[in-house]
Amino acid sequence: MCLWDEVLAWNAGRIHLRARNHRDPGHPLRSGDRLRAVHLCEYGAQAMAVHGGLLASGAGGVARAGLLVALRDVRLHVDRIDRLPGAIECAAELLAAGEASQQYAFRIHHAGDLLAEGRATAMLR
């Protein structure tokens, strides 16, 4: 499952992505005919994974698999996202990277309004 439709920009420390699938009735995270804001944490985690893949590919390698192990300072500013009319966008920033883990900060917006923000840590295999 890949939730992001496109990468708008990226460099060694940041990535900016866009998705339009939050209105899809067949969305894999939808339940009870809703896509709740808590699922924006998965969008944030997948932004990390896309960025890691681009960094590894740019270096001639393959990204290592990771496991989301922590979410910190998450703030959700809406209850649900399935009714938002336009695309959602994410800006994620690499805060720390080591052999065994990575930490990112993410902010997800819709039409200029902040939907969710937080930090996520992944352990690399």
PDB file of N, CA and C in Angstrom:
ATOM      1  N   MET A   1       0.842  -1.171   0.000  1.00  0.00           N
ATOM      2  CA  MET A   1       0.000   0.000   0.000  1.00  0.00           C
ATOM      3  C   MET A   1       0.889   1.237   0.000  1.00  0.00           C
ATOM      4  N   CYS A   2       0.692   2.086  -0.955  1.00  0.00           N
ATOM      5  CA  CYS A   2       1.388   3.370  -1.010  1.00  0.00           C
ATOM      6  C   CYS A   2       0.319   4.458  -1.066  1.00  0.00           C
ATOM      7  N   LEU A   3       0.297   5.315  -0.062  1.00  0.00           N
ATOM      8  CA  LEU A   3      -0.749   6.326   0.036  1.00  0.00           C
ATOM      9  C   LEU A   3      -0.469   7.598  -0.753  1.00  0.00           C
ATOM     10  N   TRP A   4       0.791   7.889  -1.041  1.00  0.00           N
ATOM     11  CA  TRP A   4       1.138   9.138  -1.734  1.00  0.00           C
ATOM     12  C   TRP A   4       1.063   8.950  -3.239  1.00  0.00           C
ATOM     13  N   ASP A   5       0.460   9.911  -3.929  1.00  0.00           N
ATOM     14  CA  ASP A   5       0.328   9.869  -5.376  1.00  0.00           C
ATOM     15  C   ASP A   5       1.540  10.439  -6.093  1.00  0.00           C
ATOM     16  N   GLU A   6       2.159  11.462  -5.514  1.00  0.00           N
ATOM     17  CA  GLU A   6       3.289  12.086  -6.202  1.00  0.00           C
ATOM     18  C   GLU A   6       4.236  12.785  -5.235  1.00  0.00           C
ATOM     19  N   VAL A   7       5.482  12.820  -5.643  1.00  0.00           N
ATOM     20  CA  VAL A   7       6.504  13.578  -4.928  1.00  0.00           C
ATOM     21  C   VAL A   7       6.616  14.923  -5.635  1.00  0.00           C
ATOM     22  N   LEU A   8       6.408  15.993  -4.895  1.00  0.00           N
ATOM     23  CA  LEU A   8       6.477  17.330  -5.475  1.00  0.00           C
ATOM     24  C   LEU A   8       7.903  17.872  -5.472  1.00  0.00           C
ATOM     25  N   ALA A   9       8.660  17.564  -4.419  1.00  0.00           N
ATOM     26  CA  ALA A   9      10.048  18.021  -4.309  1.00  0.00           C
ATOM     27  C   ALA A   9      10.724  17.223  -3.205  1.00  0.00           C
ATOM     28  N   TRP A  10      12.032  17.099  -3.321  1.00  0.00           N
ATOM     29  CA  TRP A  10      12.781  16.464  -2.244  1.00  0.00           C
ATOM     30  C   TRP A  10      14.258  16.817  -2.359  1.00  0.00           C
ATOM     31  N   ASN A  11      14.944  16.732  -1.231  1.00  0.00           N
ATOM     32  CA  ASN A  11      16.393  16.854  -1.183  1.00  0.00           C
ATOM     33  C   ASN A  11      16.868  15.953  -0.043  1.00  0.00           C
ATOM     34  N   ALA A  12      18.102  16.069   0.346  1.00  0.00           N
ATOM     35  CA  ALA A  12      18.652  15.161   1.356  1.00  0.00           C
ATOM     36  C   ALA A  12      17.961  15.276   2.708  1.00  0.00           C
ATOM     37  N   GLY A  13      17.362  16.414   3.007  1.00  0.00           N
ATOM     38  CA  GLY A  13      16.777  16.605   4.328  1.00  0.00           C
ATOM     39  C   GLY A  13      15.266  16.706   4.388  1.00  0.00           C
ATOM     40  N   ARG A  14      14.604  16.791   3.232  1.00  0.00           N
ATOM     41  CA  ARG A  14      13.157  17.033   3.224  1.00  0.00           C
ATOM     42  C   ARG A  14      12.483  16.367   2.034  1.00  0.00           C
ATOM     43  N   ILE A  15      11.162  16.213   2.186  1.00  0.00           N
ATOM     44  CA  ILE A  15      10.338  15.729   1.080  1.00  0.00           C
ATOM     45  C   ILE A  15       8.971  16.406   1.170  1.00  0.00           C
ATOM     46  N   HIS A  16       8.365  16.630   0.002  1.00  0.00           N
ATOM     47  CA  HIS A  16       7.041  17.243  -0.097  1.00  0.00           C
ATOM     48  C   HIS A  16       6.234  16.370  -1.053  1.00  0.00           C
ATOM     49  N   LEU A  17       5.087  15.848  -0.574  1.00  0.00           N
ATOM     50  CA  LEU A  17       4.280  14.907  -1.347  1.00  0.00           C
ATOM     51  C   LEU A  17       2.825  15.351  -1.416  1.00  0.00           C
ATOM     52  N   ARG A  18       2.089  14.735  -2.341  1.00  0.00           N
ATOM     53  CA  ARG A  18       0.662  15.047  -2.517  1.00  0.00           C
ATOM     54  C   ARG A  18      -0.114  13.745  -2.734  1.00  0.00           C
ATOM     55  N   ALA A  19      -1.343  13.730  -2.204  1.00  0.00           N
ATOM     56  CA  ALA A  19      -2.252  12.594  -2.409  1.00  0.00           C
ATOM     57  C   ALA A  19      -3.676  13.107  -2.585  1.00  0.00           C
ATOM     58  N   ARG A  20      -4.432  12.347  -3.338  1.00  0.00           N
ATOM     59  CA  ARG A  20      -5.845  12.667  -3.571  1.00  0.00           C
ATOM     60  C   ARG A  20      -6.757  11.505  -3.195  1.00  0.00           C
ATOM     61  N   ASN A  21      -6.204  10.436  -2.677  1.00  0.00           N
ATOM     62  CA  ASN A  21      -6.953   9.200  -2.455  1.00  0.00           C
ATOM     63  C   ASN A  21      -7.805   9.185  -1.187  1.00  0.00           C
ATOM     64  N   HIS A  22      -7.744  10.213  -0.380  1.00  0.00           N
ATOM     65  CA  HIS A  22      -8.471  10.227   0.891  1.00  0.00           C
ATOM     66  C   HIS A  22      -9.995  10.223   0.715  1.00  0.00           C
ATOM     67  N   ARG A  23     -10.476  10.547  -0.459  1.00  0.00           N
ATOM     68  CA  ARG A  23     -11.926  10.529  -0.722  1.00  0.00           C
ATOM     69  C   ARG A  23     -12.400   9.204  -1.324  1.00  0.00           C
ATOM     70  N   ASP A  24     -11.491   8.330  -1.640  1.00  0.00           N
ATOM     71  CA  ASP A  24     -11.810   7.051  -2.286  1.00  0.00           C
ATOM     72  C   ASP A  24     -12.578   6.141  -1.317  1.00  0.00           C
ATOM     73  N   PRO A  25     -13.780   5.709  -1.684  1.00  0.00           N
ATOM     74  CA  PRO A  25     -14.549   4.811  -0.812  1.00  0.00           C
ATOM     75  C   PRO A  25     -13.833   3.480  -0.561  1.00  0.00           C
ATOM     76  N   GLY A  26     -12.908   3.112  -1.436  1.00  0.00           N
ATOM     77  CA  GLY A  26     -12.162   1.866  -1.281  1.00  0.00           C
ATOM     78  C   GLY A  26     -10.818   2.051  -0.597  1.00  0.00           C
ATOM     79  N   HIS A  27     -10.589   3.183   0.010  1.00  0.00           N
ATOM     80  CA  HIS A  27      -9.308   3.455   0.682  1.00  0.00           C
ATOM     81  C   HIS A  27      -9.025   2.342   1.688  1.00  0.00           C
ATOM     82  N   PRO A  28      -7.802   1.789   1.696  1.00  0.00           N
ATOM     83  CA  PRO A  28      -7.502   0.640   2.562  1.00  0.00           C
ATOM     84  C   PRO A  28      -7.572   0.929   4.068  1.00  0.00           C
ATOM     85  N   LEU A  29      -7.531   2.167   4.490  1.00  0.00           N
ATOM     86  CA  LEU A  29      -7.590   2.483   5.918  1.00  0.00           C
ATOM     87  C   LEU A  29      -8.979   2.941   6.365  1.00  0.00           C
ATOM     88  N   ARG A  30      -9.905   2.991   5.446  1.00  0.00           N
ATOM     89  CA  ARG A  30     -11.256   3.455   5.752  1.00  0.00           C
ATOM     90  C   ARG A  30     -11.994   2.426   6.599  1.00  0.00           C
ATOM     91  N   SER A  31     -12.765   2.909   7.567  1.00  0.00           N
ATOM     92  CA  SER A  31     -13.620   2.015   8.359  1.00  0.00           C
ATOM     93  C   SER A  31     -14.892   2.761   8.721  1.00  0.00           C
ATOM     94  N   GLY A  32     -15.991   2.034   8.777  1.00  0.00           N
ATOM     95  CA  GLY A  32     -17.259   2.665   9.101  1.00  0.00           C
ATOM     96  C   GLY A  32     -17.593   3.810   8.177  1.00  0.00           C
ATOM     97  N   ASP A  33     -17.230   3.690   6.910  1.00  0.00           N
ATOM     98  CA  ASP A  33     -17.479   4.709   5.886  1.00  0.00           C
ATOM     99  C   ASP A  33     -16.779   6.036   6.194  1.00  0.00           C
ATOM    100  N   ARG A  34     -15.663   5.978   6.956  1.00  0.00           N
ATOM    101  CA  ARG A  34     -14.908   7.188   7.290  1.00  0.00           C
ATOM    102  C   ARG A  34     -13.411   6.917   7.191  1.00  0.00           C
ATOM    103  N   LEU A  35     -12.693   7.972   6.915  1.00  0.00           N
ATOM    104  CA  LEU A  35     -11.233   7.939   7.002  1.00  0.00           C
ATOM    105  C   LEU A  35     -10.867   8.957   8.080  1.00  0.00           C
ATOM    106  N   ARG A  36     -10.493   8.440   9.219  1.00  0.00           N
ATOM    107  CA  ARG A  36     -10.244   9.282  10.388  1.00  0.00           C
ATOM    108  C   ARG A  36      -8.878   9.966  10.328  1.00  0.00           C
ATOM    109  N   ALA A  37      -8.786  11.090  11.000  1.00  0.00           N
ATOM    110  CA  ALA A  37      -7.546  11.872  11.000  1.00  0.00           C
ATOM    111  C   ALA A  37      -6.364  11.100  11.570  1.00  0.00           C
ATOM    112  N   VAL A  38      -6.598  10.165  12.462  1.00  0.00           N
ATOM    113  CA  VAL A  38      -5.486   9.396  13.030  1.00  0.00           C
ATOM    114  C   VAL A  38      -4.684   8.688  11.936  1.00  0.00           C
ATOM    115  N   HIS A  39      -5.320   8.408  10.828  1.00  0.00           N
ATOM    116  CA  HIS A  39      -4.632   7.740   9.721  1.00  0.00           C
ATOM    117  C   HIS A  39      -3.614   8.650   9.039  1.00  0.00           C
ATOM    118  N   LEU A  40      -3.649   9.929   9.337  1.00  0.00           N
ATOM    119  CA  LEU A  40      -2.619  10.824   8.808  1.00  0.00           C
ATOM    120  C   LEU A  40      -1.243  10.456   9.362  1.00  0.00           C
ATOM    121  N   CYS A  41      -1.205   9.770  10.487  1.00  0.00           N
ATOM    122  CA  CYS A  41       0.081   9.277  11.010  1.00  0.00           C
ATOM    123  C   CYS A  41       0.691   8.260  10.040  1.00  0.00           C
ATOM    124  N   GLU A  42      -0.144   7.446   9.416  1.00  0.00           N
ATOM    125  CA  GLU A  42       0.356   6.502   8.411  1.00  0.00           C
ATOM    126  C   GLU A  42       0.850   7.255   7.180  1.00  0.00           C
ATOM    127  N   TYR A  43       0.160   8.311   6.799  1.00  0.00           N
ATOM    128  CA  TYR A  43       0.648   9.136   5.693  1.00  0.00           C
ATOM    129  C   TYR A  43       2.022   9.714   6.045  1.00  0.00           C
ATOM    130  N   GLY A  44       2.188  10.178   7.275  1.00  0.00           N
ATOM    131  CA  GLY A  44       3.481  10.710   7.709  1.00  0.00           C
ATOM    132  C   GLY A  44       4.568   9.647   7.677  1.00  0.00           C
ATOM    133  N   ALA A  45       4.240   8.452   8.153  1.00  0.00           N
ATOM    134  CA  ALA A  45       5.212   7.349   8.139  1.00  0.00           C
ATOM    135  C   ALA A  45       5.582   6.965   6.712  1.00  0.00           C
ATOM    136  N   GLN A  46       4.603   6.976   5.823  1.00  0.00           N
ATOM    137  CA  GLN A  46       4.917   6.635   4.436  1.00  0.00           C
ATOM    138  C   GLN A  46       5.731   7.730   3.754  1.00  0.00           C
ATOM    139  N   ALA A  47       5.584   8.962   4.181  1.00  0.00           N
ATOM    140  CA  ALA A  47       6.450  10.020   3.655  1.00  0.00           C
ATOM    141  C   ALA A  47       7.905   9.716   4.007  1.00  0.00           C
ATOM    142  N   MET A  48       8.137   9.228   5.231  1.00  0.00           N
ATOM    143  CA  MET A  48       9.486   8.814   5.646  1.00  0.00           C
ATOM    144  C   MET A  48      10.019   7.723   4.717  1.00  0.00           C
ATOM    145  N   ALA A  49       9.182   6.740   4.456  1.00  0.00           N
ATOM    146  CA  ALA A  49       9.605   5.599   3.633  1.00  0.00           C
ATOM    147  C   ALA A  49       9.925   6.035   2.205  1.00  0.00           C
ATOM    148  N   VAL A  50       9.101   6.900   1.643  1.00  0.00           N
ATOM    149  CA  VAL A  50       9.368   7.383   0.280  1.00  0.00           C
ATOM    150  C   VAL A  50      10.686   8.149   0.255  1.00  0.00           C
ATOM    151  N   HIS A  51      10.897   9.002   1.244  1.00  0.00           N
ATOM    152  CA  HIS A  51      12.138   9.778   1.302  1.00  0.00           C
ATOM    153  C   HIS A  51      13.345   8.845   1.443  1.00  0.00           C
ATOM    154  N   GLY A  52      13.238   7.865   2.326  1.00  0.00           N
ATOM    155  CA  GLY A  52      14.324   6.898   2.485  1.00  0.00           C
ATOM    156  C   GLY A  52      14.630   6.157   1.198  1.00  0.00           C
ATOM    157  N   GLY A  53      13.588   5.792   0.460  1.00  0.00           N
ATOM    158  CA  GLY A  53      13.786   5.114  -0.812  1.00  0.00           C
ATOM    159  C   GLY A  53      14.471   5.999  -1.835  1.00  0.00           C
ATOM    160  N   LEU A  54      14.081   7.248  -1.890  1.00  0.00           N
ATOM    161  CA  LEU A  54      14.724   8.177  -2.821  1.00  0.00           C
ATOM    162  C   LEU A  54      16.188   8.416  -2.451  1.00  0.00           C
ATOM    163  N   LEU A  55      16.464   8.554  -1.157  1.00  0.00           N
ATOM    164  CA  LEU A  55      17.852   8.743  -0.723  1.00  0.00           C
ATOM    165  C   LEU A  55      18.706   7.531  -1.075  1.00  0.00           C
ATOM    166  N   ALA A  56      18.187   6.339  -0.804  1.00  0.00           N
ATOM    167  CA  ALA A  56      18.938   5.113  -1.096  1.00  0.00           C
ATOM    168  C   ALA A  56      19.150   4.952  -2.597  1.00  0.00           C
ATOM    169  N   SER A  57      18.112   5.199  -3.380  1.00  0.00           N
ATOM    170  CA  SER A  57      18.218   5.081  -4.832  1.00  0.00           C
ATOM    171  C   SER A  57      19.228   6.076  -5.388  1.00  0.00           C
ATOM    172  N   GLY A  58      19.200   7.296  -4.852  1.00  0.00           N
ATOM    173  CA  GLY A  58      20.141   8.325  -5.294  1.00  0.00           C
ATOM    174  C   GLY A  58      21.586   7.956  -4.997  1.00  0.00           C
ATOM    175  N   ALA A  59      21.779   7.126  -3.970  1.00  0.00           N
ATOM    176  CA  ALA A  59      23.123   6.684  -3.604  1.00  0.00           C
ATOM    177  C   ALA A  59      23.483   5.360  -4.274  1.00  0.00           C
ATOM    178  N   GLY A  60      22.601   4.882  -5.163  1.00  0.00           N
ATOM    179  CA  GLY A  60      22.860   3.642  -5.890  1.00  0.00           C
ATOM    180  C   GLY A  60      22.506   2.381  -5.122  1.00  0.00           C
ATOM    181  N   GLY A  61      21.735   2.515  -4.055  1.00  0.00           N
ATOM    182  CA  GLY A  61      21.375   1.358  -3.240  1.00  0.00           C
ATOM    183  C   GLY A  61      19.882   1.132  -3.180  1.00  0.00           C
ATOM    184  N   VAL A  62      19.495   0.342  -2.207  1.00  0.00           N
ATOM    185  CA  VAL A  62      18.099   0.017  -1.960  1.00  0.00           C
ATOM    186  C   VAL A  62      17.804   0.356  -0.508  1.00  0.00           C
ATOM    187  N   ALA A  63      16.659   0.943  -0.262  1.00  0.00           N
ATOM    188  CA  ALA A  63      16.288   1.306   1.110  1.00  0.00           C
ATOM    189  C   ALA A  63      16.104   0.067   1.966  1.00  0.00           C
ATOM    190  N   ARG A  64      16.537   0.170   3.195  1.00  0.00           N
ATOM    191  CA  ARG A  64      16.323  -0.914   4.149  1.00  0.00           C
ATOM    192  C   ARG A  64      14.892  -0.846   4.671  1.00  0.00           C
ATOM    193  N   ALA A  65      14.330  -1.995   4.946  1.00  0.00           N
ATOM    194  CA  ALA A  65      12.986  -2.044   5.516  1.00  0.00           C
ATOM    195  C   ALA A  65      13.014  -1.427   6.904  1.00  0.00           C
ATOM    196  N   GLY A  66      11.919  -0.816   7.281  1.00  0.00           N
ATOM    197  CA  GLY A  66      11.833  -0.193   8.589  1.00  0.00           C
ATOM    198  C   GLY A  66      10.528  -0.535   9.277  1.00  0.00           C
ATOM    199  N   LEU A  67      10.512  -0.311  10.570  1.00  0.00           N
ATOM    200  CA  LEU A  67       9.339  -0.566  11.384  1.00  0.00           C
ATOM    201  C   LEU A  67       9.056   0.688  12.198  1.00  0.00           C
ATOM    202  N   LEU A  68       7.858   1.222  12.077  1.00  0.00           N
ATOM    203  CA  LEU A  68       7.475   2.396  12.844  1.00  0.00           C
ATOM    204  C   LEU A  68       7.418   2.007  14.315  1.00  0.00           C
ATOM    205  N   VAL A  69       8.210   2.684  15.146  1.00  0.00           N
ATOM    206  CA  VAL A  69       8.273   2.315  16.567  1.00  0.00           C
ATOM    207  C   VAL A  69       7.776   3.410  17.504  1.00  0.00           C
ATOM    208  N   ALA A  70       7.677   4.644  17.028  1.00  0.00           N
ATOM    209  CA  ALA A  70       7.220   5.709  17.921  1.00  0.00           C
ATOM    210  C   ALA A  70       6.605   6.851  17.146  1.00  0.00           C
ATOM    211  N   LEU A  71       5.568   7.404  17.740  1.00  0.00           N
ATOM    212  CA  LEU A  71       4.964   8.660  17.288  1.00  0.00           C
ATOM    213  C   LEU A  71       4.992   9.592  18.491  1.00  0.00           C
ATOM    214  N   ARG A  72       5.456  10.802  18.277  1.00  0.00           N
ATOM    215  CA  ARG A  72       5.561  11.757  19.382  1.00  0.00           C
ATOM    216  C   ARG A  72       4.970  13.104  18.966  1.00  0.00           C
ATOM    217  N   ASP A  73       4.449  13.795  19.950  1.00  0.00           N
ATOM    218  CA  ASP A  73       3.917  15.149  19.757  1.00  0.00           C
ATOM    219  C   ASP A  73       2.930  15.236  18.592  1.00  0.00           C
ATOM    220  N   VAL A  74       2.156  14.192  18.391  1.00  0.00           N
ATOM    221  CA  VAL A  74       1.167  14.199  17.303  1.00  0.00           C
ATOM    222  C   VAL A  74      -0.008  15.085  17.700  1.00  0.00           C
ATOM    223  N   ARG A  75      -0.360  15.961  16.801  1.00  0.00           N
ATOM    224  CA  ARG A  75      -1.527  16.828  16.991  1.00  0.00           C
ATOM    225  C   ARG A  75      -2.413  16.687  15.760  1.00  0.00           C
ATOM    226  N   LEU A  76      -3.645  16.308  15.995  1.00  0.00           N
ATOM    227  CA  LEU A  76      -4.631  16.187  14.930  1.00  0.00           C
ATOM    228  C   LEU A  76      -5.566  17.376  15.038  1.00  0.00           C
ATOM    229  N   HIS A  77      -5.732  18.095  13.949  1.00  0.00           N
ATOM    230  CA  HIS A  77      -6.522  19.324  13.962  1.00  0.00           C
ATOM    231  C   HIS A  77      -7.890  19.168  13.310  1.00  0.00           C
ATOM    232  N   VAL A  78      -8.213  17.959  12.871  1.00  0.00           N
ATOM    233  CA  VAL A  78      -9.524  17.622  12.302  1.00  0.00           C
ATOM    234  C   VAL A  78      -9.906  16.240  12.818  1.00  0.00           C
ATOM    235  N   ASP A  79     -11.179  15.871  12.654  1.00  0.00           N
ATOM    236  CA  ASP A  79     -11.638  14.541  13.080  1.00  0.00           C
ATOM    237  C   ASP A  79     -11.484  13.496  11.979  1.00  0.00           C
ATOM    238  N   ARG A  80     -11.768  13.918  10.763  1.00  0.00           N
ATOM    239  CA  ARG A  80     -11.728  12.988   9.630  1.00  0.00           C
ATOM    240  C   ARG A  80     -11.252  13.723   8.393  1.00  0.00           C
ATOM    241  N   ILE A  81     -10.834  12.942   7.383  1.00  0.00           N
ATOM    242  CA  ILE A  81     -10.296  13.565   6.171  1.00  0.00           C
ATOM    243  C   ILE A  81     -11.014  13.141   4.900  1.00  0.00           C
ATOM    244  N   ASP A  82     -11.939  12.203   4.973  1.00  0.00           N
ATOM    245  CA  ASP A  82     -12.589  11.682   3.770  1.00  0.00           C
ATOM    246  C   ASP A  82     -13.498  12.689   3.080  1.00  0.00           C
ATOM    247  N   ARG A  83     -13.868  13.768   3.740  1.00  0.00           N
ATOM    248  CA  ARG A  83     -14.749  14.766   3.127  1.00  0.00           C
ATOM    249  C   ARG A  83     -13.996  15.979   2.582  1.00  0.00           C
ATOM    250  N   LEU A  84     -12.685  16.010   2.735  1.00  0.00           N
ATOM    251  CA  LEU A  84     -11.903  17.147   2.234  1.00  0.00           C
ATOM    252  C   LEU A  84     -11.917  17.136   0.710  1.00  0.00           C
ATOM    253  N   PRO A  85     -12.250  18.255   0.074  1.00  0.00           N
ATOM    254  CA  PRO A  85     -12.457  18.251  -1.370  1.00  0.00           C
ATOM    255  C   PRO A  85     -11.199  18.186  -2.239  1.00  0.00           C
ATOM    256  N   GLY A  86     -10.097  18.688  -1.792  1.00  0.00           N
ATOM    257  CA  GLY A  86      -8.902  18.736  -2.627  1.00  0.00           C
ATOM    258  C   GLY A  86      -7.811  17.811  -2.113  1.00  0.00           C
ATOM    259  N   ALA A  87      -6.656  17.937  -2.725  1.00  0.00           N
ATOM    260  CA  ALA A  87      -5.506  17.095  -2.376  1.00  0.00           C
ATOM    261  C   ALA A  87      -4.989  17.443  -0.982  1.00  0.00           C
ATOM    262  N   ILE A  88      -4.349  16.465  -0.352  1.00  0.00           N
ATOM    263  CA  ILE A  88      -3.621  16.714   0.883  1.00  0.00           C
ATOM    264  C   ILE A  88      -2.133  16.686   0.539  1.00  0.00           C
ATOM    265  N   GLU A  89      -1.351  17.442   1.303  1.00  0.00           N
ATOM    266  CA  GLU A  89       0.085  17.509   1.066  1.00  0.00           C
ATOM    267  C   GLU A  89       0.826  17.319   2.373  1.00  0.00           C
ATOM    268  N   CYS A  90       2.003  16.740   2.269  1.00  0.00           N
ATOM    269  CA  CYS A  90       2.839  16.492   3.432  1.00  0.00           C
ATOM    270  C   CYS A  90       4.229  17.063   3.205  1.00  0.00           C
ATOM    271  N   ALA A  91       4.729  17.715   4.226  1.00  0.00           N
ATOM    272  CA  ALA A  91       6.126  18.133   4.262  1.00  0.00           C
ATOM    273  C   ALA A  91       6.755  17.354   5.410  1.00  0.00           C
ATOM    274  N   ALA A  92       7.789  16.598   5.110  1.00  0.00           N
ATOM    275  CA  ALA A  92       8.482  15.819   6.136  1.00  0.00           C
ATOM    276  C   ALA A  92       9.953  16.200   6.125  1.00  0.00           C
ATOM    277  N   GLU A  93      10.508  16.293   7.323  1.00  0.00           N
ATOM    278  CA  GLU A  93      11.904  16.695   7.484  1.00  0.00           C
ATOM    279  C   GLU A  93      12.657  15.637   8.275  1.00  0.00           C
ATOM    280  N   LEU A  94      13.788  15.217   7.738  1.00  0.00           N
ATOM    281  CA  LEU A  94      14.650  14.255   8.427  1.00  0.00           C
ATOM    282  C   LEU A  94      15.327  14.963   9.597  1.00  0.00           C
ATOM    283  N   LEU A  95      15.063  14.490  10.814  1.00  0.00           N
ATOM    284  CA  LEU A  95      15.641  15.093  12.006  1.00  0.00           C
ATOM    285  C   LEU A  95      16.917  14.383  12.446  1.00  0.00           C
ATOM    286  N   ALA A  96      16.917  13.052  12.309  1.00  0.00           N
ATOM    287  CA  ALA A  96      18.076  12.263  12.730  1.00  0.00           C
ATOM    288  C   ALA A  96      18.091  10.966  11.941  1.00  0.00           C
ATOM    289  N   ALA A  97      19.291  10.539  11.557  1.00  0.00           N
ATOM    290  CA  ALA A  97      19.433   9.277  10.821  1.00  0.00           C
ATOM    291  C   ALA A  97      20.692   8.577  11.307  1.00  0.00           C
ATOM    292  N   GLY A  98      20.565   7.306  11.571  1.00  0.00           N
ATOM    293  CA  GLY A  98      21.696   6.496  11.985  1.00  0.00           C
ATOM    294  C   GLY A  98      21.624   5.143  11.307  1.00  0.00           C
ATOM    295  N   GLU A  99      22.523   4.263  11.661  1.00  0.00           N
ATOM    296  CA  GLU A  99      22.522   2.921  11.080  1.00  0.00           C
ATOM    297  C   GLU A  99      21.255   2.154  11.422  1.00  0.00           C
ATOM    298  N   ALA A 100      20.700   2.396  12.614  1.00  0.00           N
ATOM    299  CA  ALA A 100      19.587   1.586  13.090  1.00  0.00           C
ATOM    300  C   ALA A 100      18.237   2.299  13.094  1.00  0.00           C
ATOM    301  N   SER A 101      18.221   3.625  12.924  1.00  0.00           N
ATOM    302  CA  SER A 101      16.943   4.317  13.030  1.00  0.00           C
ATOM    303  C   SER A 101      16.943   5.649  12.284  1.00  0.00           C
ATOM    304  N   GLN A 102      15.732   6.142  12.093  1.00  0.00           N
ATOM    305  CA  GLN A 102      15.519   7.458  11.490  1.00  0.00           C
ATOM    306  C   GLN A 102      14.376   8.141  12.224  1.00  0.00           C
ATOM    307  N   GLN A 103      14.468   9.465  12.349  1.00  0.00           N
ATOM    308  CA  GLN A 103      13.380  10.232  12.929  1.00  0.00           C
ATOM    309  C   GLN A 103      13.044  11.395  12.004  1.00  0.00           C
ATOM    310  N   TYR A 104      11.745  11.606  11.809  1.00  0.00           N
ATOM    311  CA  TYR A 104      11.243  12.664  10.943  1.00  0.00           C
ATOM    312  C   TYR A 104      10.186  13.482  11.677  1.00  0.00           C
ATOM    313  N   ALA A 105      10.050  14.715  11.281  1.00  0.00           N
ATOM    314  CA  ALA A 105       8.907  15.541  11.661  1.00  0.00           C
ATOM    315  C   ALA A 105       8.033  15.652  10.419  1.00  0.00           C
ATOM    316  N   PHE A 106       6.727  15.598  10.597  1.00  0.00           N
ATOM    317  CA  PHE A 106       5.827  15.732   9.452  1.00  0.00           C
ATOM    318  C   PHE A 106       4.712  16.724   9.764  1.00  0.00           C
ATOM    319  N   ARG A 107       4.250  17.373   8.713  1.00  0.00           N
ATOM    320  CA  ARG A 107       3.117  18.299   8.768  1.00  0.00           C
ATOM    321  C   ARG A 107       2.266  18.025   7.528  1.00  0.00           C
ATOM    322  N   ILE A 108       0.979  17.799   7.736  1.00  0.00           N
ATOM    323  CA  ILE A 108       0.081  17.484   6.629  1.00  0.00           C
ATOM    324  C   ILE A 108      -0.985  18.571   6.539  1.00  0.00           C
ATOM    325  N   HIS A 109      -1.148  19.097   5.321  1.00  0.00           N
ATOM    326  CA  HIS A 109      -2.044  20.232   5.061  1.00  0.00           C
ATOM    327  C   HIS A 109      -3.095  19.879   4.013  1.00  0.00           C
ATOM    328  N   HIS A 110      -4.165  20.651   4.040  1.00  0.00           N
ATOM    329  CA  HIS A 110      -5.175  20.627   2.991  1.00  0.00           C
ATOM    330  C   HIS A 110      -5.571  22.073   2.723  1.00  0.00           C
ATOM    331  N   ALA A 111      -5.389  22.527   1.509  1.00  0.00           N
ATOM    332  CA  ALA A 111      -5.766  23.893   1.104  1.00  0.00           C
ATOM    333  C   ALA A 111      -5.224  24.938   2.079  1.00  0.00           C
ATOM    334  N   GLY A 112      -4.004  24.731   2.538  1.00  0.00           N
ATOM    335  CA  GLY A 112      -3.360  25.680   3.434  1.00  0.00           C
ATOM    336  C   GLY A 112      -3.664  25.486   4.908  1.00  0.00           C
ATOM    337  N   ASP A 113      -4.612  24.617   5.249  1.00  0.00           N
ATOM    338  CA  ASP A 113      -4.962  24.356   6.648  1.00  0.00           C
ATOM    339  C   ASP A 113      -4.181  23.156   7.173  1.00  0.00           C
ATOM    340  N   LEU A 114      -3.620  23.297   8.355  1.00  0.00           N
ATOM    341  CA  LEU A 114      -2.878  22.211   8.982  1.00  0.00           C
ATOM    342  C   LEU A 114      -3.844  21.158   9.498  1.00  0.00           C
ATOM    343  N   LEU A 115      -3.657  19.913   9.040  1.00  0.00           N
ATOM    344  CA  LEU A 115      -4.498  18.792   9.463  1.00  0.00           C
ATOM    345  C   LEU A 115      -3.862  18.003  10.601  1.00  0.00           C
ATOM    346  N   ALA A 116      -2.549  17.769  10.489  1.00  0.00           N
ATOM    347  CA  ALA A 116      -1.841  16.938  11.471  1.00  0.00           C
ATOM    348  C   ALA A 116      -0.368  17.286  11.454  1.00  0.00           C
ATOM    349  N   GLU A 117       0.268  17.051  12.593  1.00  0.00           N
ATOM    350  CA  GLU A 117       1.705  17.262  12.710  1.00  0.00           C
ATOM    351  C   GLU A 117       2.233  16.341  13.794  1.00  0.00           C
ATOM    352  N   GLY A 118       3.516  16.019  13.694  1.00  0.00           N
ATOM    353  CA  GLY A 118       4.116  15.180  14.715  1.00  0.00           C
ATOM    354  C   GLY A 118       5.497  14.721  14.291  1.00  0.00           C
ATOM    355  N   ARG A 119       6.038  13.812  15.104  1.00  0.00           N
ATOM    356  CA  ARG A 119       7.326  13.199  14.811  1.00  0.00           C
ATOM    357  C   ARG A 119       7.149  11.693  14.808  1.00  0.00           C
ATOM    358  N   ALA A 120       7.899  11.028  13.961  1.00  0.00           N
ATOM    359  CA  ALA A 120       7.842   9.579  13.861  1.00  0.00           C
ATOM    360  C   ALA A 120       9.249   9.008  13.828  1.00  0.00           C
ATOM    361  N   THR A 121       9.415   7.862  14.475  1.00  0.00           N
ATOM    362  CA  THR A 121      10.701   7.169  14.485  1.00  0.00           C
ATOM    363  C   THR A 121      10.523   5.776  13.926  1.00  0.00           C
ATOM    364  N   ALA A 122      11.438   5.380  13.071  1.00  0.00           N
ATOM    365  CA  ALA A 122      11.449   4.037  12.502  1.00  0.00           C
ATOM    366  C   ALA A 122      12.778   3.366  12.821  1.00  0.00           C
ATOM    367  N   MET A 123      12.691   2.100  13.187  1.00  0.00           N
ATOM    368  CA  MET A 123      13.883   1.262  13.373  1.00  0.00           C
ATOM    369  C   MET A 123      14.127   0.552  12.042  1.00  0.00           C
ATOM    370  N   LEU A 124      15.359   0.562  11.592  1.00  0.00           N
ATOM    371  CA  LEU A 124      15.715  -0.056  10.315  1.00  0.00           C
ATOM    372  C   LEU A 124      16.202  -1.463  10.535  1.00  0.00           C
ATOM    373  N   ARG A 125      15.863  -2.340   9.607  1.00  0.00           N
ATOM    374  CA  ARG A 125      16.288  -3.747   9.701  1.00  0.00           C
ATOM    375  C   ARG A 125      17.579  -3.949   8.945  1.00  0.00           C
TER     376      ARG A 125
END
